[in-house]
Amino acid sequence: MDKKYLTDKPVFIVSTGRAGSTMIAQVLALHPRILALHEPHPHLRTEAYVRWKRVDMKETVKRRIRKKREDLINQVLSNRLVYAESSNYASMLIEELYDLFDARFIHLYRNGRDFVVSGLQRGWYIDNTLKTKMKNWLRRRFFLDTGKTAQDNLLDPPGHLGSRLEKIAWLWVEINKNILEKLERLPEENRFSFSLECLNKDRIEELLDFIGVEKERGLIDDMLSVAMSRPNRTKTIKIPEEDVWTEENIKRFYSIAGDMMKRLGYE
């Protein structure tokens, strides 16, 4: 392991996406000792997909992460700041980030039913054209960093899942499962988990304790105010929730996500 970062270890906020990661980056950025970025360029999208898809690509992915992040992290640390990055793509790269930087991880999670509604509203898993699929394949095969969108890099669901609701429910489970399995292998002091729904002043204080920076009452109040504003919330409700959660859809959701809902403490 390349454990060079013995103080102020970098922090990565990992999640499924649509779980408040943009907001957490903005909250942490208010602290004078933290440089917090949300999905900074160059992105780690392709590396995340390839790592999920192919176990044999670990070393290749690791070299690419080093190239994309090492100089940036060193620069931040040289200025006596804590580097913090929120990115759902980092959720697939926990092993590599820990090996390279002795990174710490904050697992931010959200109720799976809300995640599904958000994904439906954003058009996830609408069938792509053959041209789009070919572009995705080329990007992933040759690690190209241009011409892609977040939707292009959704994980590939099992073929037996037919509806978009089922695919998005599976995605929520798959990413959380990967995060939990990888974090369980790390020392306890390198991991911290909390749900979006329980974010309050006490949780912000615990978050700052985990990162290892000082706490000031006025600053925490400002952080809580930003958190409650929910930046990046979906602005337009295209699908009423009552149209999503029919009796049949509820059954489908819990058949896929019920175990993970219980594991994360949701009824």
C-alpha atoms as a PDB file:
ATOM      1  CA  MET A   1       0.000   0.000   0.000  1.00  0.00           C
ATOM      2  CA  ASP A   2       1.124   3.518  -0.734  1.00  0.00           C
ATOM      3  CA  LYS A   3       0.266   4.921   2.700  1.00  0.00           C
ATOM      4  CA  LYS A   4       1.977   8.319   2.410  1.00  0.00           C
ATOM      5  CA  TYR A   5      -0.912  10.335   3.784  1.00  0.00           C
ATOM      6  CA  LEU A   6      -0.482   9.941   7.530  1.00  0.00           C
ATOM      7  CA  THR A   7      -2.257  13.146   8.548  1.00  0.00           C
ATOM      8  CA  ASP A   8      -5.354  14.806   7.154  1.00  0.00           C
ATOM      9  CA  LYS A   9      -6.190  11.748   5.106  1.00  0.00           C
ATOM     10  CA  PRO A  10      -8.435  12.487   2.127  1.00  0.00           C
ATOM     11  CA  VAL A  11     -12.143  11.850   2.570  1.00  0.00           C
ATOM     12  CA  PHE A  12     -14.500  10.471  -0.084  1.00  0.00           C
ATOM     13  CA  ILE A  13     -18.280  10.716   0.271  1.00  0.00           C
ATOM     14  CA  VAL A  14     -19.689   7.614  -1.411  1.00  0.00           C
ATOM     15  CA  SER A  15     -23.329   7.040  -2.251  1.00  0.00           C
ATOM     16  CA  THR A  16     -25.728   5.790  -4.888  1.00  0.00           C
ATOM     17  CA  GLY A  17     -26.151   9.301  -6.233  1.00  0.00           C
ATOM     18  CA  ARG A  18     -29.400  11.249  -5.682  1.00  0.00           C
ATOM     19  CA  ALA A  19     -28.701  10.915  -1.961  1.00  0.00           C
ATOM     20  CA  GLY A  20     -27.502  14.393  -1.010  1.00  0.00           C
ATOM     21  CA  SER A  21     -23.841  14.125  -2.035  1.00  0.00           C
ATOM     22  CA  THR A  22     -23.875  17.530  -3.776  1.00  0.00           C
ATOM     23  CA  MET A  23     -25.328  19.074  -0.635  1.00  0.00           C
ATOM     24  CA  ILE A  24     -22.761  17.419   1.656  1.00  0.00           C
ATOM     25  CA  ALA A  25     -19.922  18.777  -0.476  1.00  0.00           C
ATOM     26  CA  GLN A  26     -21.379  22.283  -0.182  1.00  0.00           C
ATOM     27  CA  VAL A  27     -21.828  21.870   3.575  1.00  0.00           C
ATOM     28  CA  LEU A  28     -18.247  20.698   4.121  1.00  0.00           C
ATOM     29  CA  ALA A  29     -16.872  23.419   1.838  1.00  0.00           C
ATOM     30  CA  LEU A  30     -18.047  26.012   4.395  1.00  0.00           C
ATOM     31  CA  HIS A  31     -15.361  24.813   6.800  1.00  0.00           C
ATOM     32  CA  PRO A  32     -12.105  26.779   6.444  1.00  0.00           C
ATOM     33  CA  ARG A  33     -10.014  23.613   6.888  1.00  0.00           C
ATOM     34  CA  ILE A  34     -11.770  21.533   4.229  1.00  0.00           C
ATOM     35  CA  LEU A  35     -11.535  21.729   0.451  1.00  0.00           C
ATOM     36  CA  ALA A  36     -14.652  19.865  -0.645  1.00  0.00           C
ATOM     37  CA  LEU A  37     -15.404  19.130  -4.289  1.00  0.00           C
ATOM     38  CA  HIS A  38     -18.320  17.384  -5.951  1.00  0.00           C
ATOM     39  CA  GLU A  39     -17.295  15.110  -8.840  1.00  0.00           C
ATOM     40  CA  PRO A  40     -14.210  17.144  -9.800  1.00  0.00           C
ATOM     41  CA  HIS A  41     -12.681  16.840 -13.255  1.00  0.00           C
ATOM     42  CA  PRO A  42     -11.305  14.610 -14.546  1.00  0.00           C
ATOM     43  CA  HIS A  43     -14.240  12.364 -13.664  1.00  0.00           C
ATOM     44  CA  LEU A  44     -13.870   8.802 -12.406  1.00  0.00           C
ATOM     45  CA  ARG A  45     -17.010   7.594 -14.205  1.00  0.00           C
ATOM     46  CA  THR A  46     -15.416   5.169 -16.626  1.00  0.00           C
ATOM     47  CA  GLU A  47     -13.024   3.784 -14.007  1.00  0.00           C
ATOM     48  CA  ALA A  48     -15.985   3.113 -11.710  1.00  0.00           C
ATOM     49  CA  TYR A  49     -17.921   1.217 -14.360  1.00  0.00           C
ATOM     50  CA  VAL A  50     -14.912  -0.824 -15.467  1.00  0.00           C
ATOM     51  CA  ARG A  51     -14.015  -1.713 -11.866  1.00  0.00           C
ATOM     52  CA  TRP A  52     -17.559  -2.913 -11.238  1.00  0.00           C
ATOM     53  CA  LYS A  53     -17.663  -4.905 -14.459  1.00  0.00           C
ATOM     54  CA  ARG A  54     -14.182  -6.442 -14.458  1.00  0.00           C
ATOM     55  CA  VAL A  55     -12.314  -7.570 -11.356  1.00  0.00           C
ATOM     56  CA  ASP A  56      -9.144  -8.181 -13.400  1.00  0.00           C
ATOM     57  CA  MET A  57      -8.811  -4.455 -14.190  1.00  0.00           C
ATOM     58  CA  LYS A  58      -8.019  -3.389 -10.609  1.00  0.00           C
ATOM     59  CA  GLU A  59      -4.376  -2.446 -11.206  1.00  0.00           C
ATOM     60  CA  THR A  60      -5.154  -0.584 -14.427  1.00  0.00           C
ATOM     61  CA  VAL A  61      -7.915   1.359 -12.700  1.00  0.00           C
ATOM     62  CA  LYS A  62      -5.622   2.075  -9.772  1.00  0.00           C
ATOM     63  CA  ARG A  63      -2.959   3.580 -12.039  1.00  0.00           C
ATOM     64  CA  ARG A  64      -5.555   5.815 -13.674  1.00  0.00           C
ATOM     65  CA  ILE A  65      -6.887   7.029 -10.321  1.00  0.00           C
ATOM     66  CA  ARG A  66      -3.371   7.869  -9.190  1.00  0.00           C
ATOM     67  CA  LYS A  67      -2.806   9.880 -12.357  1.00  0.00           C
ATOM     68  CA  LYS A  68      -6.092  11.771 -11.940  1.00  0.00           C
ATOM     69  CA  ARG A  69      -6.023  12.471  -8.194  1.00  0.00           C
ATOM     70  CA  GLU A  70      -2.550  12.218  -6.653  1.00  0.00           C
ATOM     71  CA  ASP A  71      -1.293  15.700  -7.636  1.00  0.00           C
ATOM     72  CA  LEU A  72      -4.567  17.325  -6.619  1.00  0.00           C
ATOM     73  CA  ILE A  73      -4.631  15.634  -3.216  1.00  0.00           C
ATOM     74  CA  ASN A  74      -0.952  16.454  -2.600  1.00  0.00           C
ATOM     75  CA  GLN A  75      -1.578  20.097  -3.456  1.00  0.00           C
ATOM     76  CA  VAL A  76      -4.490  20.328  -1.026  1.00  0.00           C
ATOM     77  CA  LEU A  77      -2.570  18.617   1.757  1.00  0.00           C
ATOM     78  CA  SER A  78       0.453  20.867   1.195  1.00  0.00           C
ATOM     79  CA  ASN A  79      -1.825  23.798   2.020  1.00  0.00           C
ATOM     80  CA  ARG A  80      -2.782  22.114   5.310  1.00  0.00           C
ATOM     81  CA  LEU A  81      -6.327  21.453   4.181  1.00  0.00           C
ATOM     82  CA  VAL A  82      -8.382  18.285   4.210  1.00  0.00           C
ATOM     83  CA  TYR A  83      -9.296  17.029   0.745  1.00  0.00           C
ATOM     84  CA  ALA A  84     -12.925  15.887   0.500  1.00  0.00           C
ATOM     85  CA  GLU A  85     -14.585  14.592  -2.656  1.00  0.00           C
ATOM     86  CA  SER A  86     -18.208  13.577  -3.047  1.00  0.00           C
ATOM     87  CA  SER A  87     -18.850  11.206  -5.933  1.00  0.00           C
ATOM     88  CA  ASN A  88     -21.082   8.206  -6.393  1.00  0.00           C
ATOM     89  CA  TYR A  89     -18.451   6.925  -8.844  1.00  0.00           C
ATOM     90  CA  ALA A  90     -16.010   6.596  -5.952  1.00  0.00           C
ATOM     91  CA  SER A  91     -18.421   4.005  -4.527  1.00  0.00           C
ATOM     92  CA  MET A  92     -16.932   1.424  -6.900  1.00  0.00           C
ATOM     93  CA  LEU A  93     -13.350   2.507  -6.187  1.00  0.00           C
ATOM     94  CA  ILE A  94     -13.132   2.183  -2.401  1.00  0.00           C
ATOM     95  CA  GLU A  95     -10.361  -0.452  -2.434  1.00  0.00           C
ATOM     96  CA  GLU A  96      -8.203   1.535  -4.835  1.00  0.00           C
ATOM     97  CA  LEU A  97      -8.644   4.855  -3.034  1.00  0.00           C
ATOM     98  CA  TYR A  98      -7.810   3.252   0.304  1.00  0.00           C
ATOM     99  CA  ASP A  99      -4.715   1.545  -1.093  1.00  0.00           C
ATOM    100  CA  LEU A 100      -3.456   4.698  -2.793  1.00  0.00           C
ATOM    101  CA  PHE A 101      -4.232   7.368  -0.202  1.00  0.00           C
ATOM    102  CA  ASP A 102      -5.262   5.617   3.020  1.00  0.00           C
ATOM    103  CA  ALA A 103      -8.540   7.384   2.320  1.00  0.00           C
ATOM    104  CA  ARG A 104     -11.463   7.671   4.712  1.00  0.00           C
ATOM    105  CA  PHE A 105     -15.036   7.198   3.569  1.00  0.00           C
ATOM    106  CA  ILE A 106     -18.391   8.677   4.438  1.00  0.00           C
ATOM    107  CA  HIS A 107     -21.267   6.465   3.291  1.00  0.00           C
ATOM    108  CA  LEU A 108     -24.290   8.670   2.677  1.00  0.00           C
ATOM    109  CA  TYR A 109     -27.473   6.749   1.940  1.00  0.00           C
ATOM    110  CA  ARG A 110     -31.105   7.527   1.232  1.00  0.00           C
ATOM    111  CA  ASN A 111     -34.423   5.672   1.396  1.00  0.00           C
ATOM    112  CA  GLY A 112     -34.588   3.431  -1.670  1.00  0.00           C
ATOM    113  CA  ARG A 113     -38.141   4.427  -2.509  1.00  0.00           C
ATOM    114  CA  ASP A 114     -37.155   8.089  -2.801  1.00  0.00           C
ATOM    115  CA  PHE A 115     -34.148   7.094  -4.911  1.00  0.00           C
ATOM    116  CA  VAL A 116     -36.408   5.188  -7.305  1.00  0.00           C
ATOM    117  CA  VAL A 117     -38.750   8.158  -7.741  1.00  0.00           C
ATOM    118  CA  SER A 118     -35.795  10.464  -8.415  1.00  0.00           C
ATOM    119  CA  GLY A 119     -34.375   8.056 -10.995  1.00  0.00           C
ATOM    120  CA  LEU A 120     -37.702   7.750 -12.777  1.00  0.00           C
ATOM    121  CA  GLN A 121     -38.044  11.529 -12.902  1.00  0.00           C
ATOM    122  CA  ARG A 122     -34.571  11.802 -14.426  1.00  0.00           C
ATOM    123  CA  GLY A 123     -35.267   9.298 -17.173  1.00  0.00           C
ATOM    124  CA  TRP A 124     -32.899   6.547 -16.044  1.00  0.00           C
ATOM    125  CA  TYR A 125     -32.927   3.311 -18.033  1.00  0.00           C
ATOM    126  CA  ILE A 126     -34.886   4.669 -20.944  1.00  0.00           C
ATOM    127  CA  ASP A 127     -33.744   2.416 -23.780  1.00  0.00           C
ATOM    128  CA  ASN A 128     -30.623   3.719 -25.562  1.00  0.00           C
ATOM    129  CA  THR A 129     -30.097   3.582 -29.287  1.00  0.00           C
ATOM    130  CA  LEU A 130     -27.513   1.251 -30.804  1.00  0.00           C
ATOM    131  CA  LYS A 131     -25.349   4.298 -31.580  1.00  0.00           C
ATOM    132  CA  THR A 132     -25.334   5.347 -27.918  1.00  0.00           C
ATOM    133  CA  LYS A 133     -24.527   1.821 -26.771  1.00  0.00           C
ATOM    134  CA  MET A 134     -21.582   1.665 -29.158  1.00  0.00           C
ATOM    135  CA  LYS A 135     -20.261   4.999 -27.869  1.00  0.00           C
ATOM    136  CA  ASN A 136     -20.517   3.718 -24.304  1.00  0.00           C
ATOM    137  CA  TRP A 137     -18.646   0.539 -25.204  1.00  0.00           C
ATOM    138  CA  LEU A 138     -15.824   2.490 -26.843  1.00  0.00           C
ATOM    139  CA  ARG A 139     -15.485   4.829 -23.851  1.00  0.00           C
ATOM    140  CA  ARG A 140     -15.307   1.956 -21.413  1.00  0.00           C
ATOM    141  CA  ARG A 141     -13.015  -0.162 -23.565  1.00  0.00           C
ATOM    142  CA  PHE A 142     -10.435   2.604 -24.135  1.00  0.00           C
ATOM    143  CA  PHE A 143     -11.017   4.725 -21.005  1.00  0.00           C
ATOM    144  CA  LEU A 144     -12.124   7.786 -22.949  1.00  0.00           C
ATOM    145  CA  ASP A 145     -13.037  10.756 -20.744  1.00  0.00           C
ATOM    146  CA  THR A 146     -15.050  12.819 -23.206  1.00  0.00           C
ATOM    147  CA  GLY A 147     -18.547  12.877 -24.636  1.00  0.00           C
ATOM    148  CA  LYS A 148     -20.454  11.086 -21.918  1.00  0.00           C
ATOM    149  CA  THR A 149     -23.261  11.784 -19.476  1.00  0.00           C
ATOM    150  CA  ALA A 150     -24.125  10.380 -16.065  1.00  0.00           C
ATOM    151  CA  GLN A 151     -26.902   8.289 -17.614  1.00  0.00           C
ATOM    152  CA  ASP A 152     -24.427   6.626 -19.965  1.00  0.00           C
ATOM    153  CA  ASN A 153     -22.679   5.095 -16.986  1.00  0.00           C
ATOM    154  CA  LEU A 154     -25.591   3.504 -15.158  1.00  0.00           C
ATOM    155  CA  LEU A 155     -24.733  -0.069 -14.216  1.00  0.00           C
ATOM    156  CA  ASP A 156     -26.145  -2.868 -16.369  1.00  0.00           C
ATOM    157  CA  PRO A 157     -29.114  -4.534 -14.631  1.00  0.00           C
ATOM    158  CA  PRO A 158     -29.878  -8.269 -14.914  1.00  0.00           C
ATOM    159  CA  GLY A 159     -31.798  -9.195 -18.027  1.00  0.00           C
ATOM    160  CA  HIS A 160     -34.831 -10.510 -16.163  1.00  0.00           C
ATOM    161  CA  LEU A 161     -35.728  -7.040 -14.836  1.00  0.00           C
ATOM    162  CA  GLY A 162     -38.241  -5.539 -17.203  1.00  0.00           C
ATOM    163  CA  SER A 163     -39.517  -2.224 -15.829  1.00  0.00           C
ATOM    164  CA  ARG A 164     -37.512   0.917 -15.154  1.00  0.00           C
ATOM    165  CA  LEU A 165     -38.694   0.856 -11.546  1.00  0.00           C
ATOM    166  CA  GLU A 166     -37.212  -2.614 -11.074  1.00  0.00           C
ATOM    167  CA  LYS A 167     -33.916  -1.604 -12.695  1.00  0.00           C
ATOM    168  CA  ILE A 168     -33.552   1.508 -10.551  1.00  0.00           C
ATOM    169  CA  ALA A 169     -34.405  -0.457  -7.395  1.00  0.00           C
ATOM    170  CA  TRP A 170     -31.728  -2.991  -8.359  1.00  0.00           C
ATOM    171  CA  LEU A 171     -29.230  -0.141  -8.932  1.00  0.00           C
ATOM    172  CA  TRP A 172     -29.869   1.231  -5.440  1.00  0.00           C
ATOM    173  CA  VAL A 173     -29.246  -2.212  -3.935  1.00  0.00           C
ATOM    174  CA  GLU A 174     -26.186  -2.986  -6.065  1.00  0.00           C
ATOM    175  CA  ILE A 175     -24.304   0.207  -5.244  1.00  0.00           C
ATOM    176  CA  ASN A 176     -25.129   0.111  -1.529  1.00  0.00           C
ATOM    177  CA  LYS A 177     -24.150  -3.563  -1.393  1.00  0.00           C
ATOM    178  CA  ASN A 178     -20.801  -2.791  -2.986  1.00  0.00           C
ATOM    179  CA  ILE A 179     -20.180   0.094  -0.566  1.00  0.00           C
ATOM    180  CA  LEU A 180     -21.063  -1.930   2.525  1.00  0.00           C
ATOM    181  CA  GLU A 181     -18.978  -4.937   1.504  1.00  0.00           C
ATOM    182  CA  LYS A 182     -15.908  -2.811   0.787  1.00  0.00           C
ATOM    183  CA  LEU A 183     -16.228  -0.645   3.896  1.00  0.00           C
ATOM    184  CA  GLU A 184     -16.525  -3.683   6.170  1.00  0.00           C
ATOM    185  CA  ARG A 185     -12.960  -4.607   5.191  1.00  0.00           C
ATOM    186  CA  LEU A 186     -11.553  -1.257   6.308  1.00  0.00           C
ATOM    187  CA  PRO A 187     -10.512  -0.164   9.814  1.00  0.00           C
ATOM    188  CA  GLU A 188     -13.391   1.345  11.752  1.00  0.00           C
ATOM    189  CA  GLU A 189     -11.636   4.712  11.968  1.00  0.00           C
ATOM    190  CA  ASN A 190     -11.705   4.963   8.162  1.00  0.00           C
ATOM    191  CA  ARG A 191     -15.485   4.742   7.759  1.00  0.00           C
ATOM    192  CA  PHE A 192     -18.557   6.674   8.813  1.00  0.00           C
ATOM    193  CA  SER A 193     -22.160   6.116   7.691  1.00  0.00           C
ATOM    194  CA  PHE A 194     -25.377   8.074   8.025  1.00  0.00           C
ATOM    195  CA  SER A 195     -28.674   8.525   6.226  1.00  0.00           C
ATOM    196  CA  LEU A 196     -29.847  11.656   4.461  1.00  0.00           C
ATOM    197  CA  GLU A 197     -33.064  11.571   6.468  1.00  0.00           C
ATOM    198  CA  CYS A 198     -31.280  11.830   9.849  1.00  0.00           C
ATOM    199  CA  LEU A 199     -29.045  14.769   8.939  1.00  0.00           C
ATOM    200  CA  ASN A 200     -29.192  17.304  11.765  1.00  0.00           C
ATOM    201  CA  LYS A 201     -26.862  19.393  13.927  1.00  0.00           C
ATOM    202  CA  ASP A 202     -25.647  16.388  15.936  1.00  0.00           C
ATOM    203  CA  ARG A 203     -24.860  14.478  12.764  1.00  0.00           C
ATOM    204  CA  ILE A 204     -22.889  17.409  11.348  1.00  0.00           C
ATOM    205  CA  GLU A 205     -20.843  17.543  14.555  1.00  0.00           C
ATOM    206  CA  GLU A 206     -20.161  13.798  14.293  1.00  0.00           C
ATOM    207  CA  LEU A 207     -19.157  14.296  10.673  1.00  0.00           C
ATOM    208  CA  LEU A 208     -16.628  16.988  11.601  1.00  0.00           C
ATOM    209  CA  ASP A 209     -15.287  14.793  14.423  1.00  0.00           C
ATOM    210  CA  PHE A 210     -14.753  11.978  11.934  1.00  0.00           C
ATOM    211  CA  ILE A 211     -12.919  14.276   9.529  1.00  0.00           C
ATOM    212  CA  GLY A 212     -10.864  15.652  12.416  1.00  0.00           C
ATOM    213  CA  VAL A 213     -11.514  19.383  12.175  1.00  0.00           C
ATOM    214  CA  GLU A 214     -12.616  21.865  14.794  1.00  0.00           C
ATOM    215  CA  LYS A 215     -16.280  22.620  15.467  1.00  0.00           C
ATOM    216  CA  GLU A 216     -17.716  26.112  15.914  1.00  0.00           C
ATOM    217  CA  ARG A 217     -21.341  26.720  16.827  1.00  0.00           C
ATOM    218  CA  GLY A 218     -21.947  29.488  14.288  1.00  0.00           C
ATOM    219  CA  LEU A 219     -20.322  27.489  11.508  1.00  0.00           C
ATOM    220  CA  ILE A 220     -22.392  24.408  12.298  1.00  0.00           C
ATOM    221  CA  ASP A 221     -25.562  26.510  12.174  1.00  0.00           C
ATOM    222  CA  ASP A 222     -24.542  27.754   8.715  1.00  0.00           C
ATOM    223  CA  MET A 223     -23.828  24.201   7.604  1.00  0.00           C
ATOM    224  CA  LEU A 224     -27.221  23.035   8.795  1.00  0.00           C
ATOM    225  CA  SER A 225     -28.914  25.894   6.937  1.00  0.00           C
ATOM    226  CA  VAL A 226     -27.264  24.842   3.664  1.00  0.00           C
ATOM    227  CA  ALA A 227     -28.139  21.206   4.311  1.00  0.00           C
ATOM    228  CA  MET A 228     -31.803  22.024   4.847  1.00  0.00           C
ATOM    229  CA  SER A 229     -31.938  23.974   1.571  1.00  0.00           C
ATOM    230  CA  ARG A 230     -31.291  20.665  -0.260  1.00  0.00           C
ATOM    231  CA  PRO A 231     -29.315  21.990  -3.264  1.00  0.00           C
ATOM    232  CA  ASN A 232     -29.612  19.856  -6.418  1.00  0.00           C
ATOM    233  CA  ARG A 233     -33.054  18.624  -5.407  1.00  0.00           C
ATOM    234  CA  THR A 234     -35.131  17.580  -8.411  1.00  0.00           C
ATOM    235  CA  LYS A 235     -37.031  20.736  -9.275  1.00  0.00           C
ATOM    236  CA  THR A 236     -39.861  19.388 -11.427  1.00  0.00           C
ATOM    237  CA  ILE A 237     -42.043  16.517 -10.304  1.00  0.00           C
ATOM    238  CA  LYS A 238     -42.872  14.737 -13.525  1.00  0.00           C
ATOM    239  CA  ILE A 239     -44.313  11.592 -11.962  1.00  0.00           C
ATOM    240  CA  PRO A 240     -46.644  11.853  -8.948  1.00  0.00           C
ATOM    241  CA  GLU A 241     -45.588   9.400  -6.241  1.00  0.00           C
ATOM    242  CA  GLU A 242     -49.072   7.910  -6.084  1.00  0.00           C
ATOM    243  CA  ASP A 243     -48.647   6.900  -9.726  1.00  0.00           C
ATOM    244  CA  VAL A 244     -45.325   5.222  -8.904  1.00  0.00           C
ATOM    245  CA  TRP A 245     -46.284   3.334  -5.786  1.00  0.00           C
ATOM    246  CA  THR A 246     -49.129   1.201  -6.969  1.00  0.00           C
ATOM    247  CA  GLU A 247     -49.695  -1.989  -5.028  1.00  0.00           C
ATOM    248  CA  GLU A 248     -47.953  -4.006  -7.753  1.00  0.00           C
ATOM    249  CA  ASN A 249     -44.946  -1.671  -7.889  1.00  0.00           C
ATOM    250  CA  ILE A 250     -44.564  -1.748  -4.117  1.00  0.00           C
ATOM    251  CA  LYS A 251     -44.410  -5.543  -4.279  1.00  0.00           C
ATOM    252  CA  ARG A 252     -41.822  -5.408  -7.052  1.00  0.00           C
ATOM    253  CA  PHE A 253     -39.709  -2.886  -5.182  1.00  0.00           C
ATOM    254  CA  TYR A 254     -39.605  -4.858  -1.933  1.00  0.00           C
ATOM    255  CA  SER A 255     -38.902  -8.131  -3.708  1.00  0.00           C
ATOM    256  CA  ILE A 256     -35.711  -6.501  -4.996  1.00  0.00           C
ATOM    257  CA  ALA A 257     -34.774  -4.007  -2.292  1.00  0.00           C
ATOM    258  CA  GLY A 258     -36.493  -5.265   0.868  1.00  0.00           C
ATOM    259  CA  ASP A 259     -33.403  -6.856   2.416  1.00  0.00           C
ATOM    260  CA  MET A 260     -31.259  -3.778   1.809  1.00  0.00           C
ATOM    261  CA  MET A 261     -33.986  -1.496   3.166  1.00  0.00           C
ATOM    262  CA  LYS A 262     -33.903  -3.477   6.414  1.00  0.00           C
ATOM    263  CA  ARG A 263     -30.106  -3.546   6.475  1.00  0.00           C
ATOM    264  CA  LEU A 264     -29.978   0.240   6.265  1.00  0.00           C
ATOM    265  CA  GLY A 265     -32.635   0.658   8.929  1.00  0.00           C
ATOM    266  CA  TYR A 266     -35.692   1.512   6.839  1.00  0.00           C
ATOM    267  CA  GLU A 267     -39.013  -0.079   7.653  1.00  0.00           C
END
